[in-house]
Amino acid sequence: MNQNDHNFLIQKIRTQYTEKEHTDLDELKALDTKVKRPANLFAYTFGSIGAIVMGSGMSLVMTDIAETVGIQNPMPCGIIVGILGMAMTIVNYPIYKSILSARRKKYADQIIALSDKIMNK
């Protein structure tokens, strides 16, 4: 290992034990995350549930699960459940955009002020 690699490794380990200075950029990143996280969390959760519901409807129609559960005629029930899941996945993106838009409006003044402060330094 040459001297440069040795120094790099020492510096890398050293930074793990030194206290980081909190900057305005860190605060800006935190605000950006605060804006986006609820919308992303909703979209991933609601979209996953919609996909599972849609898959359940398809399973009712295409497999013997309905017979095991005790449903006599699985076709109408499976189609209804599948369409419900499909509707959930279709409305997921517009709901996500509206949540994100509302949160952007809520935090826009803070983010613009902080970004102006950082850029004017």
N, C-alpha and C. Protein backbone atom coordinates (compact mmCIF):
# COMPACT_ATOMS: atom_id res chain seq x y z
N MET A 1 0.85 -1.16 0.00
CA MET A 1 0.00 0.00 0.00
C MET A 1 0.91 1.24 0.00
N ASN A 2 0.67 2.13 -0.93
CA ASN A 2 1.51 3.33 -0.99
C ASN A 2 1.04 4.38 0.01
N GLN A 3 1.77 5.45 0.12
CA GLN A 3 1.52 6.47 1.13
C GLN A 3 0.17 7.17 0.91
N ASN A 4 -0.21 7.42 -0.36
CA ASN A 4 -1.49 8.07 -0.66
C ASN A 4 -2.66 7.21 -0.22
N ASP A 5 -2.60 5.92 -0.52
CA ASP A 5 -3.67 5.01 -0.10
C ASP A 5 -3.74 4.94 1.42
N HIS A 6 -2.61 4.91 2.04
CA HIS A 6 -2.52 4.85 3.49
C HIS A 6 -3.16 6.11 4.12
N ASN A 7 -2.83 7.26 3.60
CA ASN A 7 -3.40 8.52 4.11
C ASN A 7 -4.90 8.59 3.86
N PHE A 8 -5.34 8.12 2.70
CA PHE A 8 -6.77 8.13 2.38
C PHE A 8 -7.54 7.25 3.36
N LEU A 9 -7.02 6.08 3.66
CA LEU A 9 -7.68 5.17 4.58
C LEU A 9 -7.74 5.76 5.99
N ILE A 10 -6.64 6.38 6.41
CA ILE A 10 -6.61 7.02 7.72
C ILE A 10 -7.64 8.14 7.79
N GLN A 11 -7.73 8.95 6.74
CA GLN A 11 -8.67 10.07 6.70
C GLN A 11 -10.11 9.56 6.70
N LYS A 12 -10.35 8.49 5.99
CA LYS A 12 -11.70 7.92 5.93
C LYS A 12 -12.14 7.43 7.30
N ILE A 13 -11.26 6.75 8.00
CA ILE A 13 -11.59 6.27 9.34
C ILE A 13 -11.75 7.44 10.30
N ARG A 14 -10.89 8.42 10.17
CA ARG A 14 -10.92 9.59 11.05
C ARG A 14 -12.23 10.35 10.94
N THR A 15 -12.76 10.50 9.73
CA THR A 15 -14.01 11.26 9.54
C THR A 15 -15.20 10.58 10.22
N GLN A 16 -15.11 9.29 10.45
CA GLN A 16 -16.21 8.59 11.13
C GLN A 16 -16.29 8.99 12.60
N TYR A 17 -15.19 9.49 13.14
CA TYR A 17 -15.13 9.81 14.57
C TYR A 17 -15.11 11.31 14.87
N THR A 18 -15.16 12.11 13.85
CA THR A 18 -15.22 13.55 14.07
C THR A 18 -16.65 14.03 13.92
N GLU A 19 -16.99 15.06 14.65
CA GLU A 19 -18.34 15.60 14.62
C GLU A 19 -18.52 16.44 13.35
N LYS A 20 -19.62 16.17 12.65
CA LYS A 20 -19.88 16.92 11.43
C LYS A 20 -20.46 18.29 11.77
N GLU A 21 -20.09 19.26 10.98
CA GLU A 21 -20.62 20.60 11.12
C GLU A 21 -21.94 20.68 10.38
N HIS A 22 -22.97 21.18 11.03
CA HIS A 22 -24.29 21.31 10.42
C HIS A 22 -24.31 22.57 9.56
N THR A 23 -24.60 22.40 8.26
CA THR A 23 -24.58 23.53 7.35
C THR A 23 -25.99 23.84 6.85
N ASP A 24 -26.11 24.94 6.14
CA ASP A 24 -27.39 25.30 5.53
C ASP A 24 -27.79 24.30 4.45
N LEU A 25 -26.81 23.73 3.76
CA LEU A 25 -27.10 22.73 2.74
C LEU A 25 -27.73 21.49 3.36
N ASP A 26 -27.26 21.09 4.54
CA ASP A 26 -27.86 19.96 5.25
C ASP A 26 -29.31 20.27 5.60
N GLU A 27 -29.57 21.49 6.02
CA GLU A 27 -30.93 21.90 6.35
C GLU A 27 -31.83 21.91 5.11
N LEU A 28 -31.28 22.35 3.98
CA LEU A 28 -32.03 22.36 2.73
C LEU A 28 -32.38 20.93 2.30
N LYS A 29 -31.42 20.03 2.41
CA LYS A 29 -31.68 18.62 2.08
C LYS A 29 -32.74 18.03 3.00
N ALA A 30 -32.69 18.39 4.28
CA ALA A 30 -33.68 17.88 5.23
C ALA A 30 -35.08 18.40 4.90
N LEU A 31 -35.17 19.66 4.52
CA LEU A 31 -36.47 20.21 4.12
C LEU A 31 -37.01 19.53 2.88
N ASP A 32 -36.13 19.30 1.90
CA ASP A 32 -36.54 18.62 0.67
C ASP A 32 -37.06 17.22 0.98
N THR A 33 -36.37 16.52 1.86
CA THR A 33 -36.81 15.18 2.27
C THR A 33 -38.14 15.25 3.00
N LYS A 34 -38.30 16.28 3.84
CA LYS A 34 -39.54 16.47 4.59
C LYS A 34 -40.73 16.71 3.65
N VAL A 35 -40.48 17.33 2.52
CA VAL A 35 -41.52 17.57 1.53
C VAL A 35 -41.89 16.28 0.81
N LYS A 36 -40.89 15.51 0.40
CA LYS A 36 -41.12 14.35 -0.48
C LYS A 36 -41.49 13.06 0.24
N ARG A 37 -41.02 12.87 1.46
CA ARG A 37 -41.20 11.58 2.14
C ARG A 37 -42.66 11.16 2.31
N PRO A 38 -43.58 12.00 2.79
CA PRO A 38 -44.96 11.54 2.96
C PRO A 38 -45.62 11.14 1.64
N ALA A 39 -45.34 11.86 0.57
CA ALA A 39 -45.92 11.52 -0.73
C ALA A 39 -45.36 10.19 -1.22
N ASN A 40 -44.05 9.99 -1.08
CA ASN A 40 -43.45 8.72 -1.52
C ASN A 40 -43.95 7.56 -0.68
N LEU A 41 -44.04 7.76 0.62
CA LEU A 41 -44.53 6.70 1.50
C LEU A 41 -45.96 6.30 1.13
N PHE A 42 -46.80 7.30 0.90
CA PHE A 42 -48.17 6.99 0.49
C PHE A 42 -48.19 6.24 -0.83
N ALA A 43 -47.44 6.72 -1.82
CA ALA A 43 -47.47 6.12 -3.15
C ALA A 43 -47.01 4.67 -3.13
N TYR A 44 -45.91 4.41 -2.43
CA TYR A 44 -45.41 3.03 -2.37
C TYR A 44 -46.39 2.11 -1.64
N THR A 45 -46.93 2.58 -0.53
CA THR A 45 -47.86 1.75 0.25
C THR A 45 -49.17 1.51 -0.50
N PHE A 46 -49.79 2.58 -0.96
CA PHE A 46 -51.07 2.46 -1.64
C PHE A 46 -50.94 1.69 -2.96
N GLY A 47 -49.86 1.94 -3.69
CA GLY A 47 -49.63 1.21 -4.94
C GLY A 47 -49.41 -0.27 -4.71
N SER A 48 -48.67 -0.60 -3.67
CA SER A 48 -48.44 -2.02 -3.35
C SER A 48 -49.73 -2.71 -2.95
N ILE A 49 -50.52 -2.04 -2.14
CA ILE A 49 -51.80 -2.62 -1.73
C ILE A 49 -52.71 -2.79 -2.95
N GLY A 50 -52.74 -1.80 -3.83
CA GLY A 50 -53.55 -1.91 -5.05
C GLY A 50 -53.10 -3.06 -5.93
N ALA A 51 -51.80 -3.26 -6.05
CA ALA A 51 -51.29 -4.38 -6.86
C ALA A 51 -51.64 -5.72 -6.23
N ILE A 52 -51.59 -5.79 -4.91
CA ILE A 52 -51.96 -7.04 -4.23
C ILE A 52 -53.44 -7.33 -4.40
N VAL A 53 -54.27 -6.30 -4.29
CA VAL A 53 -55.72 -6.48 -4.48
C VAL A 53 -56.00 -6.92 -5.91
N MET A 54 -55.36 -6.29 -6.89
CA MET A 54 -55.55 -6.68 -8.28
C MET A 54 -55.10 -8.12 -8.51
N GLY A 55 -53.97 -8.50 -7.94
CA GLY A 55 -53.48 -9.88 -8.06
C GLY A 55 -54.41 -10.87 -7.39
N SER A 56 -55.02 -10.48 -6.29
CA SER A 56 -55.98 -11.36 -5.62
C SER A 56 -57.19 -11.62 -6.51
N GLY A 57 -57.65 -10.58 -7.16
CA GLY A 57 -58.78 -10.75 -8.08
C GLY A 57 -58.42 -11.67 -9.24
N MET A 58 -57.22 -11.51 -9.77
CA MET A 58 -56.77 -12.39 -10.85
C MET A 58 -56.64 -13.83 -10.35
N SER A 59 -56.18 -14.01 -9.13
CA SER A 59 -56.03 -15.35 -8.58
C SER A 59 -57.39 -16.02 -8.39
N LEU A 60 -58.38 -15.23 -7.99
CA LEU A 60 -59.73 -15.79 -7.84
C LEU A 60 -60.24 -16.33 -9.16
N VAL A 61 -59.95 -15.61 -10.23
CA VAL A 61 -60.46 -16.00 -11.55
C VAL A 61 -59.65 -17.16 -12.14
N MET A 62 -58.34 -17.13 -11.97
CA MET A 62 -57.48 -18.04 -12.72
C MET A 62 -57.05 -19.31 -11.97
N THR A 63 -57.29 -19.39 -10.66
CA THR A 63 -56.82 -20.56 -9.91
C THR A 63 -57.97 -21.20 -9.14
N ASP A 64 -57.62 -22.19 -8.35
CA ASP A 64 -58.62 -22.90 -7.55
C ASP A 64 -58.76 -22.33 -6.14
N ILE A 65 -58.22 -21.16 -5.90
CA ILE A 65 -58.28 -20.55 -4.57
C ILE A 65 -59.73 -20.28 -4.17
N ALA A 66 -60.55 -19.83 -5.11
CA ALA A 66 -61.95 -19.54 -4.80
C ALA A 66 -62.67 -20.78 -4.31
N GLU A 67 -62.36 -21.91 -4.90
CA GLU A 67 -62.96 -23.17 -4.48
C GLU A 67 -62.55 -23.52 -3.05
N THR A 68 -61.30 -23.28 -2.72
CA THR A 68 -60.80 -23.54 -1.37
C THR A 68 -61.45 -22.61 -0.35
N VAL A 69 -61.65 -21.37 -0.73
CA VAL A 69 -62.27 -20.39 0.16
C VAL A 69 -63.77 -20.64 0.30
N GLY A 70 -64.36 -21.24 -0.71
CA GLY A 70 -65.78 -21.56 -0.65
C GLY A 70 -66.64 -20.67 -1.52
N ILE A 71 -66.06 -20.02 -2.50
CA ILE A 71 -66.82 -19.17 -3.43
C ILE A 71 -67.27 -20.06 -4.58
N GLN A 72 -68.58 -20.08 -4.81
CA GLN A 72 -69.14 -20.96 -5.83
C GLN A 72 -68.83 -20.49 -7.25
N ASN A 73 -69.07 -19.20 -7.51
CA ASN A 73 -68.83 -18.66 -8.84
C ASN A 73 -67.76 -17.57 -8.73
N PRO A 74 -66.49 -17.89 -8.93
CA PRO A 74 -65.42 -16.94 -8.67
C PRO A 74 -65.24 -15.85 -9.73
N MET A 75 -65.80 -16.05 -10.91
CA MET A 75 -65.56 -15.10 -12.00
C MET A 75 -66.03 -13.68 -11.68
N PRO A 76 -67.30 -13.45 -11.31
CA PRO A 76 -67.73 -12.07 -11.03
C PRO A 76 -66.98 -11.45 -9.83
N CYS A 77 -66.79 -12.25 -8.79
CA CYS A 77 -66.09 -11.75 -7.60
C CYS A 77 -64.65 -11.39 -7.94
N GLY A 78 -63.97 -12.24 -8.71
CA GLY A 78 -62.59 -11.98 -9.10
C GLY A 78 -62.46 -10.76 -9.99
N ILE A 79 -63.42 -10.59 -10.89
CA ILE A 79 -63.38 -9.42 -11.78
C ILE A 79 -63.58 -8.15 -10.98
N ILE A 80 -64.51 -8.16 -10.04
CA ILE A 80 -64.77 -6.97 -9.22
C ILE A 80 -63.54 -6.63 -8.38
N VAL A 81 -62.96 -7.63 -7.74
CA VAL A 81 -61.77 -7.39 -6.90
C VAL A 81 -60.60 -6.91 -7.78
N GLY A 82 -60.43 -7.51 -8.96
CA GLY A 82 -59.36 -7.09 -9.87
C GLY A 82 -59.53 -5.66 -10.35
N ILE A 83 -60.74 -5.28 -10.69
CA ILE A 83 -61.01 -3.92 -11.14
C ILE A 83 -60.80 -2.92 -10.00
N LEU A 84 -61.18 -3.31 -8.78
CA LEU A 84 -60.95 -2.45 -7.63
C LEU A 84 -59.44 -2.21 -7.43
N GLY A 85 -58.65 -3.26 -7.52
CA GLY A 85 -57.20 -3.11 -7.41
C GLY A 85 -56.61 -2.28 -8.54
N MET A 86 -57.14 -2.48 -9.74
CA MET A 86 -56.67 -1.70 -10.90
C MET A 86 -57.00 -0.22 -10.71
N ALA A 87 -58.18 0.06 -10.19
CA ALA A 87 -58.57 1.45 -9.94
C ALA A 87 -57.65 2.08 -8.89
N MET A 88 -57.30 1.31 -7.88
CA MET A 88 -56.39 1.82 -6.86
C MET A 88 -55.03 2.19 -7.46
N THR A 89 -54.52 1.34 -8.34
CA THR A 89 -53.22 1.63 -8.94
C THR A 89 -53.30 2.79 -9.93
N ILE A 90 -54.43 2.95 -10.57
CA ILE A 90 -54.58 4.05 -11.54
C ILE A 90 -54.65 5.41 -10.83
N VAL A 91 -55.36 5.48 -9.70
CA VAL A 91 -55.50 6.76 -9.01
C VAL A 91 -54.29 7.06 -8.12
N ASN A 92 -53.39 6.11 -7.97
CA ASN A 92 -52.23 6.30 -7.10
C ASN A 92 -51.38 7.49 -7.53
N TYR A 93 -51.04 7.60 -8.80
CA TYR A 93 -50.17 8.69 -9.26
C TYR A 93 -50.83 10.07 -9.10
N PRO A 94 -52.09 10.27 -9.49
CA PRO A 94 -52.70 11.59 -9.26
C PRO A 94 -52.76 11.97 -7.77
N ILE A 95 -53.02 11.01 -6.90
CA ILE A 95 -53.05 11.30 -5.47
C ILE A 95 -51.64 11.68 -5.00
N TYR A 96 -50.64 10.94 -5.46
CA TYR A 96 -49.24 11.24 -5.13
C TYR A 96 -48.89 12.66 -5.55
N LYS A 97 -49.24 13.03 -6.77
CA LYS A 97 -48.93 14.37 -7.28
C LYS A 97 -49.63 15.45 -6.45
N SER A 98 -50.87 15.20 -6.03
CA SER A 98 -51.58 16.21 -5.24
C SER A 98 -50.97 16.35 -3.85
N ILE A 99 -50.56 15.24 -3.23
CA ILE A 99 -49.90 15.32 -1.92
C ILE A 99 -48.59 16.08 -2.05
N LEU A 100 -47.81 15.75 -3.07
CA LEU A 100 -46.53 16.40 -3.29
C LEU A 100 -46.70 17.89 -3.58
N SER A 101 -47.69 18.23 -4.37
CA SER A 101 -47.95 19.63 -4.70
C SER A 101 -48.35 20.43 -3.46
N ALA A 102 -49.20 19.84 -2.63
CA ALA A 102 -49.62 20.52 -1.41
C ALA A 102 -48.45 20.74 -0.46
N ARG A 103 -47.59 19.75 -0.34
CA ARG A 103 -46.43 19.89 0.55
C ARG A 103 -45.41 20.87 -0.02
N ARG A 104 -45.27 20.91 -1.34
CA ARG A 104 -44.37 21.89 -1.95
C ARG A 104 -44.84 23.31 -1.68
N LYS A 105 -46.15 23.53 -1.79
CA LYS A 105 -46.71 24.85 -1.50
C LYS A 105 -46.48 25.23 -0.04
N LYS A 106 -46.61 24.25 0.85
CA LYS A 106 -46.46 24.50 2.28
C LYS A 106 -45.04 24.92 2.64
N TYR A 107 -44.04 24.29 2.02
CA TYR A 107 -42.65 24.53 2.38
C TYR A 107 -41.89 25.38 1.36
N ALA A 108 -42.54 25.88 0.34
CA ALA A 108 -41.86 26.62 -0.73
C ALA A 108 -41.13 27.85 -0.22
N ASP A 109 -41.77 28.63 0.63
CA ASP A 109 -41.14 29.86 1.12
C ASP A 109 -39.85 29.57 1.89
N GLN A 110 -39.89 28.55 2.75
CA GLN A 110 -38.71 28.19 3.53
C GLN A 110 -37.57 27.71 2.63
N ILE A 111 -37.91 26.87 1.66
CA ILE A 111 -36.89 26.31 0.77
C ILE A 111 -36.29 27.40 -0.13
N ILE A 112 -37.13 28.27 -0.66
CA ILE A 112 -36.63 29.36 -1.51
C ILE A 112 -35.73 30.29 -0.71
N ALA A 113 -36.15 30.65 0.50
CA ALA A 113 -35.36 31.56 1.35
C ALA A 113 -33.99 30.92 1.69
N LEU A 114 -34.02 29.66 2.05
CA LEU A 114 -32.77 28.99 2.42
C LEU A 114 -31.85 28.80 1.21
N SER A 115 -32.44 28.46 0.06
CA SER A 115 -31.60 28.30 -1.13
C SER A 115 -31.02 29.64 -1.60
N ASP A 116 -31.79 30.71 -1.47
CA ASP A 116 -31.25 32.04 -1.80
C ASP A 116 -30.09 32.40 -0.86
N LYS A 117 -30.24 32.07 0.40
CA LYS A 117 -29.19 32.35 1.38
C LYS A 117 -27.91 31.57 1.03
N ILE A 118 -28.06 30.33 0.63
CA ILE A 118 -26.90 29.50 0.28
C ILE A 118 -26.24 30.00 -1.00
N MET A 119 -27.03 30.37 -1.99
CA MET A 119 -26.49 30.81 -3.27
C MET A 119 -25.81 32.18 -3.18
N ASN A 120 -26.25 33.02 -2.25
CA ASN A 120 -25.68 34.37 -2.11
C ASN A 120 -24.45 34.42 -1.24
N LYS A 121 -24.06 33.30 -0.68
CA LYS A 121 -22.85 33.28 0.17
C LYS A 121 -21.60 33.42 -0.67
